[in-house]
Amino acid sequence: METITYPDFEKVDIRVGTVVDAKPFPEARKPAIQLWVDFGAPLGVKKSSAQITAHYSPDRLIGRQVLAVVNFPPRQIGPFMSEILVLGLPDENGAIVLIKPDLHVPDGGRMF
């Protein structure tokens, strides 16, 4: 793996936000959930398509804090425009487990 510098790391804007809405996304090629995540001012609510159906249902996600990359360009996923990349780690079977802070923190906080 290539070594990066701290300025390289600073280019990736990873922030915490709270899921305010979540819906099944049956139109996606791979099973996914549509998320609306509130990052507070000035970012507001951003959308994401997340392949997290192995461990999560939409109703269990609302109110949960998540970490996401907020400075990737938007990406069209079928009929849905995904604006952020919600972050997770693979479990022993490769299914995604979301990353979240141990304690509640203010929405919009930047990871460093």
PDB file of N, CA and C in Angstrom:
ATOM      1  N   MET A   1       0.838  -1.178   0.000  1.00  0.00           N
ATOM      2  CA  MET A   1       0.000   0.000   0.000  1.00  0.00           C
ATOM      3  C   MET A   1       0.885   1.243   0.000  1.00  0.00           C
ATOM      4  N   GLU A   2       0.463   2.218  -0.736  1.00  0.00           N
ATOM      5  CA  GLU A   2       1.208   3.469  -0.852  1.00  0.00           C
ATOM      6  C   GLU A   2       1.103   4.301   0.425  1.00  0.00           C
ATOM      7  N   THR A   3       2.204   4.895   0.837  1.00  0.00           N
ATOM      8  CA  THR A   3       2.223   5.807   1.972  1.00  0.00           C
ATOM      9  C   THR A   3       1.704   7.170   1.527  1.00  0.00           C
ATOM     10  N   ILE A   4       0.886   7.813   2.403  1.00  0.00           N
ATOM     11  CA  ILE A   4       0.386   9.153   2.095  1.00  0.00           C
ATOM     12  C   ILE A   4       0.899  10.125   3.153  1.00  0.00           C
ATOM     13  N   THR A   5       0.758  11.394   2.850  1.00  0.00           N
ATOM     14  CA  THR A   5       1.155  12.439   3.792  1.00  0.00           C
ATOM     15  C   THR A   5      -0.082  12.923   4.536  1.00  0.00           C
ATOM     16  N   TYR A   6       0.128  13.669   5.621  1.00  0.00           N
ATOM     17  CA  TYR A   6      -1.001  14.228   6.356  1.00  0.00           C
ATOM     18  C   TYR A   6      -1.848  15.154   5.474  1.00  0.00           C
ATOM     19  N   PRO A   7      -1.233  15.993   4.622  1.00  0.00           N
ATOM     20  CA  PRO A   7      -2.064  16.802   3.718  1.00  0.00           C
ATOM     21  C   PRO A   7      -2.940  15.937   2.786  1.00  0.00           C
ATOM     22  N   ASP A   8      -2.459  14.746   2.397  1.00  0.00           N
ATOM     23  CA  ASP A   8      -3.298  13.841   1.606  1.00  0.00           C
ATOM     24  C   ASP A   8      -4.526  13.430   2.413  1.00  0.00           C
ATOM     25  N   PHE A   9      -4.318  13.054   3.676  1.00  0.00           N
ATOM     26  CA  PHE A   9      -5.413  12.654   4.555  1.00  0.00           C
ATOM     27  C   PHE A   9      -6.420  13.791   4.734  1.00  0.00           C
ATOM     28  N   GLU A  10      -5.923  15.013   4.860  1.00  0.00           N
ATOM     29  CA  GLU A  10      -6.808  16.165   5.062  1.00  0.00           C
ATOM     30  C   GLU A  10      -7.734  16.418   3.880  1.00  0.00           C
ATOM     31  N   LYS A  11      -7.404  15.891   2.708  1.00  0.00           N
ATOM     32  CA  LYS A  11      -8.261  16.064   1.529  1.00  0.00           C
ATOM     33  C   LYS A  11      -9.561  15.279   1.648  1.00  0.00           C
ATOM     34  N   VAL A  12      -9.562  14.214   2.457  1.00  0.00           N
ATOM     35  CA  VAL A  12     -10.760  13.400   2.635  1.00  0.00           C
ATOM     36  C   VAL A  12     -11.555  13.974   3.800  1.00  0.00           C
ATOM     37  N   ASP A  13     -12.743  14.475   3.513  1.00  0.00           N
ATOM     38  CA  ASP A  13     -13.589  15.107   4.522  1.00  0.00           C
ATOM     39  C   ASP A  13     -14.564  14.072   5.082  1.00  0.00           C
ATOM     40  N   ILE A  14     -14.234  13.514   6.252  1.00  0.00           N
ATOM     41  CA  ILE A  14     -15.064  12.512   6.912  1.00  0.00           C
ATOM     42  C   ILE A  14     -15.760  13.183   8.081  1.00  0.00           C
ATOM     43  N   ARG A  15     -17.090  13.124   8.080  1.00  0.00           N
ATOM     44  CA  ARG A  15     -17.887  13.810   9.104  1.00  0.00           C
ATOM     45  C   ARG A  15     -18.905  12.858   9.715  1.00  0.00           C
ATOM     46  N   VAL A  16     -19.386  13.239  10.894  1.00  0.00           N
ATOM     47  CA  VAL A  16     -20.425  12.479  11.576  1.00  0.00           C
ATOM     48  C   VAL A  16     -21.773  13.137  11.313  1.00  0.00           C
ATOM     49  N   GLY A  17     -22.773  12.295  11.119  1.00  0.00           N
ATOM     50  CA  GLY A  17     -24.132  12.785  10.928  1.00  0.00           C
ATOM     51  C   GLY A  17     -25.121  11.785  11.487  1.00  0.00           C
ATOM     52  N   THR A  18     -26.373  12.220  11.603  1.00  0.00           N
ATOM     53  CA  THR A  18     -27.435  11.378  12.129  1.00  0.00           C
ATOM     54  C   THR A  18     -28.397  10.996  11.008  1.00  0.00           C
ATOM     55  N   VAL A  19     -28.710   9.719  10.911  1.00  0.00           N
ATOM     56  CA  VAL A  19     -29.671   9.239   9.915  1.00  0.00           C
ATOM     57  C   VAL A  19     -31.059   9.755  10.313  1.00  0.00           C
ATOM     58  N   VAL A  20     -31.670  10.529   9.411  1.00  0.00           N
ATOM     59  CA  VAL A  20     -32.994  11.093   9.680  1.00  0.00           C
ATOM     60  C   VAL A  20     -34.093  10.380   8.892  1.00  0.00           C
ATOM     61  N   ASP A  21     -33.701   9.615   7.866  1.00  0.00           N
ATOM     62  CA  ASP A  21     -34.661   8.819   7.102  1.00  0.00           C
ATOM     63  C   ASP A  21     -33.903   7.671   6.442  1.00  0.00           C
ATOM     64  N   ALA A  22     -34.598   6.561   6.263  1.00  0.00           N
ATOM     65  CA  ALA A  22     -34.013   5.388   5.621  1.00  0.00           C
ATOM     66  C   ALA A  22     -35.137   4.601   4.962  1.00  0.00           C
ATOM     67  N   LYS A  23     -34.896   4.168   3.719  1.00  0.00           N
ATOM     68  CA  LYS A  23     -35.912   3.435   2.961  1.00  0.00           C
ATOM     69  C   LYS A  23     -35.259   2.299   2.196  1.00  0.00           C
ATOM     70  N   PRO A  24     -35.998   1.214   1.987  1.00  0.00           N
ATOM     71  CA  PRO A  24     -35.485   0.152   1.127  1.00  0.00           C
ATOM     72  C   PRO A  24     -35.225   0.710  -0.276  1.00  0.00           C
ATOM     73  N   PHE A  25     -34.281   0.110  -0.979  1.00  0.00           N
ATOM     74  CA  PHE A  25     -33.931   0.560  -2.326  1.00  0.00           C
ATOM     75  C   PHE A  25     -33.991  -0.636  -3.286  1.00  0.00           C
ATOM     76  N   PRO A  26     -35.209  -1.083  -3.624  1.00  0.00           N
ATOM     77  CA  PRO A  26     -35.363  -2.274  -4.454  1.00  0.00           C
ATOM     78  C   PRO A  26     -34.841  -2.099  -5.886  1.00  0.00           C
ATOM     79  N   GLU A  27     -34.698  -0.862  -6.351  1.00  0.00           N
ATOM     80  CA  GLU A  27     -34.206  -0.633  -7.720  1.00  0.00           C
ATOM     81  C   GLU A  27     -32.692  -0.832  -7.846  1.00  0.00           C
ATOM     82  N   ALA A  28     -31.980  -0.899  -6.748  1.00  0.00           N
ATOM     83  CA  ALA A  28     -30.516  -1.064  -6.788  1.00  0.00           C
ATOM     84  C   ALA A  28     -30.162  -2.465  -7.304  1.00  0.00           C
ATOM     85  N   ARG A  29     -29.029  -2.566  -8.020  1.00  0.00           N
ATOM     86  CA  ARG A  29     -28.577  -3.869  -8.529  1.00  0.00           C
ATOM     87  C   ARG A  29     -28.243  -4.832  -7.394  1.00  0.00           C
ATOM     88  N   LYS A  30     -27.597  -4.318  -6.336  1.00  0.00           N
ATOM     89  CA  LYS A  30     -27.292  -5.101  -5.142  1.00  0.00           C
ATOM     90  C   LYS A  30     -28.169  -4.581  -4.019  1.00  0.00           C
ATOM     91  N   PRO A  31     -28.592  -5.462  -3.102  1.00  0.00           N
ATOM     92  CA  PRO A  31     -29.467  -4.994  -2.016  1.00  0.00           C
ATOM     93  C   PRO A  31     -28.881  -3.776  -1.293  1.00  0.00           C
ATOM     94  N   ALA A  32     -29.708  -2.752  -1.126  1.00  0.00           N
ATOM     95  CA  ALA A  32     -29.230  -1.504  -0.533  1.00  0.00           C
ATOM     96  C   ALA A  32     -30.367  -0.807   0.204  1.00  0.00           C
ATOM     97  N   ILE A  33     -29.965   0.186   0.998  1.00  0.00           N
ATOM     98  CA  ILE A  33     -30.900   1.049   1.717  1.00  0.00           C
ATOM     99  C   ILE A  33     -30.558   2.492   1.362  1.00  0.00           C
ATOM    100  N   GLN A  34     -31.586   3.279   1.079  1.00  0.00           N
ATOM    101  CA  GLN A  34     -31.393   4.714   0.865  1.00  0.00           C
ATOM    102  C   GLN A  34     -31.368   5.399   2.225  1.00  0.00           C
ATOM    103  N   LEU A  35     -30.356   6.241   2.433  1.00  0.00           N
ATOM    104  CA  LEU A  35     -30.202   6.960   3.695  1.00  0.00           C
ATOM    105  C   LEU A  35     -30.217   8.453   3.456  1.00  0.00           C
ATOM    106  N   TRP A  36     -30.812   9.187   4.385  1.00  0.00           N
ATOM    107  CA  TRP A  36     -30.726  10.628   4.450  1.00  0.00           C
ATOM    108  C   TRP A  36     -30.045  10.949   5.779  1.00  0.00           C
ATOM    109  N   VAL A  37     -28.879  11.597   5.708  1.00  0.00           N
ATOM    110  CA  VAL A  37     -28.055  11.824   6.885  1.00  0.00           C
ATOM    111  C   VAL A  37     -27.920  13.326   7.107  1.00  0.00           C
ATOM    112  N   ASP A  38     -28.235  13.772   8.322  1.00  0.00           N
ATOM    113  CA  ASP A  38     -28.156  15.193   8.679  1.00  0.00           C
ATOM    114  C   ASP A  38     -26.797  15.480   9.307  1.00  0.00           C
ATOM    115  N   PHE A  39     -26.020  16.356   8.647  1.00  0.00           N
ATOM    116  CA  PHE A  39     -24.704  16.760   9.133  1.00  0.00           C
ATOM    117  C   PHE A  39     -24.742  18.129   9.806  1.00  0.00           C
ATOM    118  N   GLY A  40     -25.916  18.675  10.027  1.00  0.00           N
ATOM    119  CA  GLY A  40     -26.017  20.001  10.639  1.00  0.00           C
ATOM    120  C   GLY A  40     -25.560  21.076   9.672  1.00  0.00           C
ATOM    121  N   ALA A  41     -25.526  22.324  10.142  1.00  0.00           N
ATOM    122  CA  ALA A  41     -25.098  23.448   9.306  1.00  0.00           C
ATOM    123  C   ALA A  41     -23.580  23.398   9.155  1.00  0.00           C
ATOM    124  N   PRO A  42     -23.030  23.722   8.033  1.00  0.00           N
ATOM    125  CA  PRO A  42     -23.690  24.192   6.816  1.00  0.00           C
ATOM    126  C   PRO A  42     -24.021  23.081   5.817  1.00  0.00           C
ATOM    127  N   LEU A  43     -23.646  21.821   6.078  1.00  0.00           N
ATOM    128  CA  LEU A  43     -23.844  20.749   5.094  1.00  0.00           C
ATOM    129  C   LEU A  43     -25.297  20.331   4.929  1.00  0.00           C
ATOM    130  N   GLY A  44     -26.035  20.292   6.026  1.00  0.00           N
ATOM    131  CA  GLY A  44     -27.423  19.872   5.962  1.00  0.00           C
ATOM    132  C   GLY A  44     -27.573  18.381   5.736  1.00  0.00           C
ATOM    133  N   VAL A  45     -28.680  17.999   5.117  1.00  0.00           N
ATOM    134  CA  VAL A  45     -29.003  16.590   4.883  1.00  0.00           C
ATOM    135  C   VAL A  45     -28.437  16.158   3.532  1.00  0.00           C
ATOM    136  N   LYS A  46     -27.733  15.031   3.536  1.00  0.00           N
ATOM    137  CA  LYS A  46     -27.158  14.439   2.320  1.00  0.00           C
ATOM    138  C   LYS A  46     -27.681  13.017   2.181  1.00  0.00           C
ATOM    139  N   LYS A  47     -27.736  12.528   0.922  1.00  0.00           N
ATOM    140  CA  LYS A  47     -28.284  11.204   0.623  1.00  0.00           C
ATOM    141  C   LYS A  47     -27.173  10.208   0.307  1.00  0.00           C
ATOM    142  N   SER A  48     -27.453   8.924   0.615  1.00  0.00           N
ATOM    143  CA  SER A  48     -26.516   7.861   0.293  1.00  0.00           C
ATOM    144  C   SER A  48     -27.274   6.573   0.012  1.00  0.00           C
ATOM    145  N   SER A  49     -26.748   5.783  -0.907  1.00  0.00           N
ATOM    146  CA  SER A  49     -27.206   4.415  -1.124  1.00  0.00           C
ATOM    147  C   SER A  49     -26.168   3.515  -0.478  1.00  0.00           C
ATOM    148  N   ALA A  50     -26.593   2.692   0.486  1.00  0.00           N
ATOM    149  CA  ALA A  50     -25.642   1.885   1.249  1.00  0.00           C
ATOM    150  C   ALA A  50     -26.023   0.403   1.178  1.00  0.00           C
ATOM    151  N   GLN A  51     -25.055  -0.427   0.848  1.00  0.00           N
ATOM    152  CA  GLN A  51     -25.260  -1.883   0.773  1.00  0.00           C
ATOM    153  C   GLN A  51     -25.044  -2.485   2.167  1.00  0.00           C
ATOM    154  N   ILE A  52     -26.013  -2.254   3.033  1.00  0.00           N
ATOM    155  CA  ILE A  52     -25.891  -2.633   4.445  1.00  0.00           C
ATOM    156  C   ILE A  52     -27.061  -3.502   4.907  1.00  0.00           C
ATOM    157  N   THR A  53     -27.748  -4.151   3.974  1.00  0.00           N
ATOM    158  CA  THR A  53     -28.972  -4.884   4.310  1.00  0.00           C
ATOM    159  C   THR A  53     -28.735  -6.156   5.117  1.00  0.00           C
ATOM    160  N   ALA A  54     -27.514  -6.676   5.156  1.00  0.00           N
ATOM    161  CA  ALA A  54     -27.252  -7.906   5.914  1.00  0.00           C
ATOM    162  C   ALA A  54     -27.447  -7.701   7.418  1.00  0.00           C
ATOM    163  N   HIS A  55     -27.106  -6.521   7.916  1.00  0.00           N
ATOM    164  CA  HIS A  55     -27.172  -6.265   9.356  1.00  0.00           C
ATOM    165  C   HIS A  55     -28.192  -5.208   9.761  1.00  0.00           C
ATOM    166  N   TYR A  56     -28.754  -4.466   8.797  1.00  0.00           N
ATOM    167  CA  TYR A  56     -29.590  -3.326   9.157  1.00  0.00           C
ATOM    168  C   TYR A  56     -30.895  -3.328   8.365  1.00  0.00           C
ATOM    169  N   SER A  57     -31.940  -2.833   9.008  1.00  0.00           N
ATOM    170  CA  SER A  57     -33.202  -2.550   8.330  1.00  0.00           C
ATOM    171  C   SER A  57     -33.419  -1.042   8.443  1.00  0.00           C
ATOM    172  N   PRO A  58     -34.169  -0.456   7.519  1.00  0.00           N
ATOM    173  CA  PRO A  58     -34.348   0.997   7.548  1.00  0.00           C
ATOM    174  C   PRO A  58     -34.822   1.537   8.898  1.00  0.00           C
ATOM    175  N   ASP A  59     -35.760   0.869   9.539  1.00  0.00           N
ATOM    176  CA  ASP A  59     -36.299   1.388  10.804  1.00  0.00           C
ATOM    177  C   ASP A  59     -35.266   1.381  11.928  1.00  0.00           C
ATOM    178  N   ARG A  60     -34.263   0.510  11.882  1.00  0.00           N
ATOM    179  CA  ARG A  60     -33.220   0.458  12.915  1.00  0.00           C
ATOM    180  C   ARG A  60     -32.164   1.538  12.723  1.00  0.00           C
ATOM    181  N   LEU A  61     -32.156   2.203  11.578  1.00  0.00           N
ATOM    182  CA  LEU A  61     -31.100   3.172  11.268  1.00  0.00           C
ATOM    183  C   LEU A  61     -31.452   4.599  11.668  1.00  0.00           C
ATOM    184  N   ILE A  62     -32.721   4.922  11.718  1.00  0.00           N
ATOM    185  CA  ILE A  62     -33.131   6.295  12.018  1.00  0.00           C
ATOM    186  C   ILE A  62     -32.695   6.664  13.439  1.00  0.00           C
ATOM    187  N   GLY A  63     -32.009   7.796  13.556  1.00  0.00           N
ATOM    188  CA  GLY A  63     -31.497   8.271  14.832  1.00  0.00           C
ATOM    189  C   GLY A  63     -30.069   7.833  15.114  1.00  0.00           C
ATOM    190  N   ARG A  64     -29.517   6.968  14.297  1.00  0.00           N
ATOM    191  CA  ARG A  64     -28.161   6.453  14.494  1.00  0.00           C
ATOM    192  C   ARG A  64     -27.136   7.412  13.896  1.00  0.00           C
ATOM    193  N   GLN A  65     -26.051   7.645  14.600  1.00  0.00           N
ATOM    194  CA  GLN A  65     -24.960   8.440  14.041  1.00  0.00           C
ATOM    195  C   GLN A  65     -24.066   7.537  13.192  1.00  0.00           C
ATOM    196  N   VAL A  66     -23.581   8.088  12.073  1.00  0.00           N
ATOM    197  CA  VAL A  66     -22.697   7.369  11.159  1.00  0.00           C
ATOM    198  C   VAL A  66     -21.566   8.297  10.733  1.00  0.00           C
ATOM    199  N   LEU A  67     -20.504   7.698  10.225  1.00  0.00           N
ATOM    200  CA  LEU A  67     -19.415   8.463   9.621  1.00  0.00           C
ATOM    201  C   LEU A  67     -19.522   8.340   8.114  1.00  0.00           C
ATOM    202  N   ALA A  68     -19.210   9.427   7.404  1.00  0.00           N
ATOM    203  CA  ALA A  68     -19.313   9.413   5.944  1.00  0.00           C
ATOM    204  C   ALA A  68     -18.305  10.365   5.324  1.00  0.00           C
ATOM    205  N   VAL A  69     -17.840  10.003   4.124  1.00  0.00           N
ATOM    206  CA  VAL A  69     -17.040  10.912   3.309  1.00  0.00           C
ATOM    207  C   VAL A  69     -18.032  11.849   2.631  1.00  0.00           C
ATOM    208  N   VAL A  70     -17.860  13.152   2.843  1.00  0.00           N
ATOM    209  CA  VAL A  70     -18.835  14.120   2.329  1.00  0.00           C
ATOM    210  C   VAL A  70     -18.311  14.926   1.139  1.00  0.00           C
ATOM    211  N   ASN A  71     -17.067  14.670   0.708  1.00  0.00           N
ATOM    212  CA  ASN A  71     -16.545  15.477  -0.398  1.00  0.00           C
ATOM    213  C   ASN A  71     -16.211  14.675  -1.651  1.00  0.00           C
ATOM    214  N   PHE A  72     -16.849  13.512  -1.825  1.00  0.00           N
ATOM    215  CA  PHE A  72     -16.804  12.825  -3.114  1.00  0.00           C
ATOM    216  C   PHE A  72     -17.846  13.461  -4.027  1.00  0.00           C
ATOM    217  N   PRO A  73     -17.650  13.399  -5.347  1.00  0.00           N
ATOM    218  CA  PRO A  73     -18.698  13.905  -6.236  1.00  0.00           C
ATOM    219  C   PRO A  73     -19.938  13.008  -6.153  1.00  0.00           C
ATOM    220  N   PRO A  74     -21.140  13.565  -6.357  1.00  0.00           N
ATOM    221  CA  PRO A  74     -22.361  12.749  -6.348  1.00  0.00           C
ATOM    222  C   PRO A  74     -22.268  11.645  -7.395  1.00  0.00           C
ATOM    223  N   ARG A  75     -22.962  10.531  -7.103  1.00  0.00           N
ATOM    224  CA  ARG A  75     -22.935   9.374  -8.002  1.00  0.00           C
ATOM    225  C   ARG A  75     -24.361   8.864  -8.196  1.00  0.00           C
ATOM    226  N   GLN A  76     -24.739   8.696  -9.451  1.00  0.00           N
ATOM    227  CA  GLN A  76     -26.077   8.201  -9.771  1.00  0.00           C
ATOM    228  C   GLN A  76     -26.125   6.693  -9.558  1.00  0.00           C
ATOM    229  N   ILE A  77     -27.035   6.241  -8.691  1.00  0.00           N
ATOM    230  CA  ILE A  77     -27.254   4.816  -8.428  1.00  0.00           C
ATOM    231  C   ILE A  77     -28.689   4.532  -8.857  1.00  0.00           C
ATOM    232  N   GLY A  78     -28.875   4.033 -10.073  1.00  0.00           N
ATOM    233  CA  GLY A  78     -30.225   3.853 -10.599  1.00  0.00           C
ATOM    234  C   GLY A  78     -30.933   5.194 -10.610  1.00  0.00           C
ATOM    235  N   PRO A  79     -32.154   5.263 -10.050  1.00  0.00           N
ATOM    236  CA  PRO A  79     -32.891   6.526 -10.030  1.00  0.00           C
ATOM    237  C   PRO A  79     -32.518   7.449  -8.861  1.00  0.00           C
ATOM    238  N   PHE A  80     -31.492   7.092  -8.098  1.00  0.00           N
ATOM    239  CA  PHE A  80     -31.159   7.792  -6.857  1.00  0.00           C
ATOM    240  C   PHE A  80     -29.780   8.436  -6.973  1.00  0.00           C
ATOM    241  N   MET A  81     -29.651   9.698  -6.541  1.00  0.00           N
ATOM    242  CA  MET A  81     -28.366  10.394  -6.548  1.00  0.00           C
ATOM    243  C   MET A  81     -27.734  10.268  -5.162  1.00  0.00           C
ATOM    244  N   SER A  82     -26.636   9.521  -5.084  1.00  0.00           N
ATOM    245  CA  SER A  82     -25.920   9.333  -3.824  1.00  0.00           C
ATOM    246  C   SER A  82     -24.880  10.439  -3.689  1.00  0.00           C
ATOM    247  N   GLU A  83     -24.932  11.177  -2.571  1.00  0.00           N
ATOM    248  CA  GLU A  83     -24.069  12.349  -2.385  1.00  0.00           C
ATOM    249  C   GLU A  83     -22.900  12.108  -1.439  1.00  0.00           C
ATOM    250  N   ILE A  84     -22.980  11.068  -0.620  1.00  0.00           N
ATOM    251  CA  ILE A  84     -21.946  10.786   0.377  1.00  0.00           C
ATOM    252  C   ILE A  84     -21.629   9.296   0.380  1.00  0.00           C
ATOM    253  N   LEU A  85     -20.500   8.929   0.968  1.00  0.00           N
ATOM    254  CA  LEU A  85     -20.143   7.524   1.143  1.00  0.00           C
ATOM    255  C   LEU A  85     -20.152   7.222   2.637  1.00  0.00           C
ATOM    256  N   VAL A  86     -21.168   6.489   3.087  1.00  0.00           N
ATOM    257  CA  VAL A  86     -21.257   6.074   4.481  1.00  0.00           C
ATOM    258  C   VAL A  86     -20.209   4.979   4.691  1.00  0.00           C
ATOM    259  N   LEU A  87     -19.478   5.059   5.809  1.00  0.00           N
ATOM    260  CA  LEU A  87     -18.334   4.180   6.030  1.00  0.00           C
ATOM    261  C   LEU A  87     -18.674   2.983   6.916  1.00  0.00           C
ATOM    262  N   GLY A  88     -18.052   1.856   6.577  1.00  0.00           N
ATOM    263  CA  GLY A  88     -18.234   0.636   7.345  1.00  0.00           C
ATOM    264  C   GLY A  88     -17.043  -0.284   7.175  1.00  0.00           C
ATOM    265  N   LEU A  89     -17.111  -1.386   7.888  1.00  0.00           N
ATOM    266  CA  LEU A  89     -16.065  -2.409   7.841  1.00  0.00           C
ATOM    267  C   LEU A  89     -16.709  -3.758   7.559  1.00  0.00           C
ATOM    268  N   PRO A  90     -15.995  -4.676   6.882  1.00  0.00           N
ATOM    269  CA  PRO A  90     -16.588  -5.988   6.613  1.00  0.00           C
ATOM    270  C   PRO A  90     -16.544  -6.890   7.851  1.00  0.00           C
ATOM    271  N   ASP A  91     -17.623  -7.642   8.071  1.00  0.00           N
ATOM    272  CA  ASP A  91     -17.598  -8.657   9.106  1.00  0.00           C
ATOM    273  C   ASP A  91     -16.901  -9.901   8.557  1.00  0.00           C
ATOM    274  N   GLU A  92     -16.932 -11.011   9.279  1.00  0.00           N
ATOM    275  CA  GLU A  92     -16.223 -12.214   8.850  1.00  0.00           C
ATOM    276  C   GLU A  92     -16.752 -12.803   7.547  1.00  0.00           C
ATOM    277  N   ASN A  93     -17.976 -12.398   7.138  1.00  0.00           N
ATOM    278  CA  ASN A  93     -18.557 -12.872   5.880  1.00  0.00           C
ATOM    279  C   ASN A  93     -18.542 -11.819   4.784  1.00  0.00           C
ATOM    280  N   GLY A  94     -17.963 -10.653   5.066  1.00  0.00           N
ATOM    281  CA  GLY A  94     -17.886  -9.586   4.074  1.00  0.00           C
ATOM    282  C   GLY A  94     -19.048  -8.614   4.099  1.00  0.00           C
ATOM    283  N   ALA A  95     -20.035  -8.834   4.971  1.00  0.00           N
ATOM    284  CA  ALA A  95     -21.166  -7.906   5.082  1.00  0.00           C
ATOM    285  C   ALA A  95     -20.715  -6.665   5.848  1.00  0.00           C
ATOM    286  N   ILE A  96     -21.243  -5.526   5.467  1.00  0.00           N
ATOM    287  CA  ILE A  96     -20.795  -4.245   6.030  1.00  0.00           C
ATOM    288  C   ILE A  96     -21.418  -3.965   7.398  1.00  0.00           C
ATOM    289  N   VAL A  97     -20.541  -3.542   8.324  1.00  0.00           N
ATOM    290  CA  VAL A  97     -20.922  -3.079   9.655  1.00  0.00           C
ATOM    291  C   VAL A  97     -20.569  -1.596   9.707  1.00  0.00           C
ATOM    292  N   LEU A  98     -21.545  -0.756   9.996  1.00  0.00           N
ATOM    293  CA  LEU A  98     -21.321   0.692   9.995  1.00  0.00           C
ATOM    294  C   LEU A  98     -20.370   1.135  11.102  1.00  0.00           C
ATOM    295  N   ILE A  99     -19.625   2.203  10.810  1.00  0.00           N
ATOM    296  CA  ILE A  99     -18.747   2.829  11.795  1.00  0.00           C
ATOM    297  C   ILE A  99     -19.517   3.964  12.468  1.00  0.00           C
ATOM    298  N   LYS A 100     -19.432   4.021  13.800  1.00  0.00           N
ATOM    299  CA  LYS A 100     -20.104   5.090  14.536  1.00  0.00           C
ATOM    300  C   LYS A 100     -19.251   5.490  15.729  1.00  0.00           C
ATOM    301  N   PRO A 101     -19.442   6.713  16.247  1.00  0.00           N
ATOM    302  CA  PRO A 101     -18.709   7.117  17.447  1.00  0.00           C
ATOM    303  C   PRO A 101     -19.195   6.335  18.665  1.00  0.00           C
ATOM    304  N   ASP A 102     -18.310   6.148  19.645  1.00  0.00           N
ATOM    305  CA  ASP A 102     -18.682   5.482  20.905  1.00  0.00           C
ATOM    306  C   ASP A 102     -19.696   6.291  21.699  1.00  0.00           C
ATOM    307  N   LEU A 103     -19.567   7.599  21.660  1.00  0.00           N
ATOM    308  CA  LEU A 103     -20.452   8.504  22.378  1.00  0.00           C
ATOM    309  C   LEU A 103     -21.113   9.439  21.384  1.00  0.00           C
ATOM    310  N   HIS A 104     -22.269   9.985  21.759  1.00  0.00           N
ATOM    311  CA  HIS A 104     -22.932  10.964  20.887  1.00  0.00           C
ATOM    312  C   HIS A 104     -22.058  12.212  20.775  1.00  0.00           C
ATOM    313  N   VAL A 105     -21.872  12.681  19.555  1.00  0.00           N
ATOM    314  CA  VAL A 105     -21.108  13.899  19.295  1.00  0.00           C
ATOM    315  C   VAL A 105     -21.936  14.813  18.409  1.00  0.00           C
ATOM    316  N   PRO A 106     -21.606  16.112  18.344  1.00  0.00           N
ATOM    317  CA  PRO A 106     -22.391  17.025  17.508  1.00  0.00           C
ATOM    318  C   PRO A 106     -22.288  16.640  16.025  1.00  0.00           C
ATOM    319  N   ASP A 107     -23.441  16.648  15.345  1.00  0.00           N
ATOM    320  CA  ASP A 107     -23.467  16.369  13.910  1.00  0.00           C
ATOM    321  C   ASP A 107     -22.598  17.377  13.168  1.00  0.00           C
ATOM    322  N   GLY A 108     -21.907  16.898  12.147  1.00  0.00           N
ATOM    323  CA  GLY A 108     -21.043  17.753  11.343  1.00  0.00           C
ATOM    324  C   GLY A 108     -19.604  17.728  11.778  1.00  0.00           C
ATOM    325  N   GLY A 109     -19.307  17.125  12.938  1.00  0.00           N
ATOM    326  CA  GLY A 109     -17.921  17.064  13.407  1.00  0.00           C
ATOM    327  C   GLY A 109     -17.048  16.318  12.417  1.00  0.00           C
ATOM    328  N   ARG A 110     -15.861  16.868  12.186  1.00  0.00           N
ATOM    329  CA  ARG A 110     -14.928  16.278  11.219  1.00  0.00           C
ATOM    330  C   ARG A 110     -13.982  15.312  11.906  1.00  0.00           C
ATOM    331  N   MET A 111     -13.757  14.172  11.283  1.00  0.00           N
ATOM    332  CA  MET A 111     -12.827  13.192  11.815  1.00  0.00           C
ATOM    333  C   MET A 111     -11.407  13.676  11.583  1.00  0.00           C
ATOM    334  N   PHE A 112     -10.557  13.539  12.598  1.00  0.00           N
ATOM    335  CA  PHE A 112      -9.147  13.866  12.461  1.00  0.00           C
ATOM    336  C   PHE A 112      -8.333  12.914  13.288  1.00  0.00           C
TER     337      PHE A 112
END
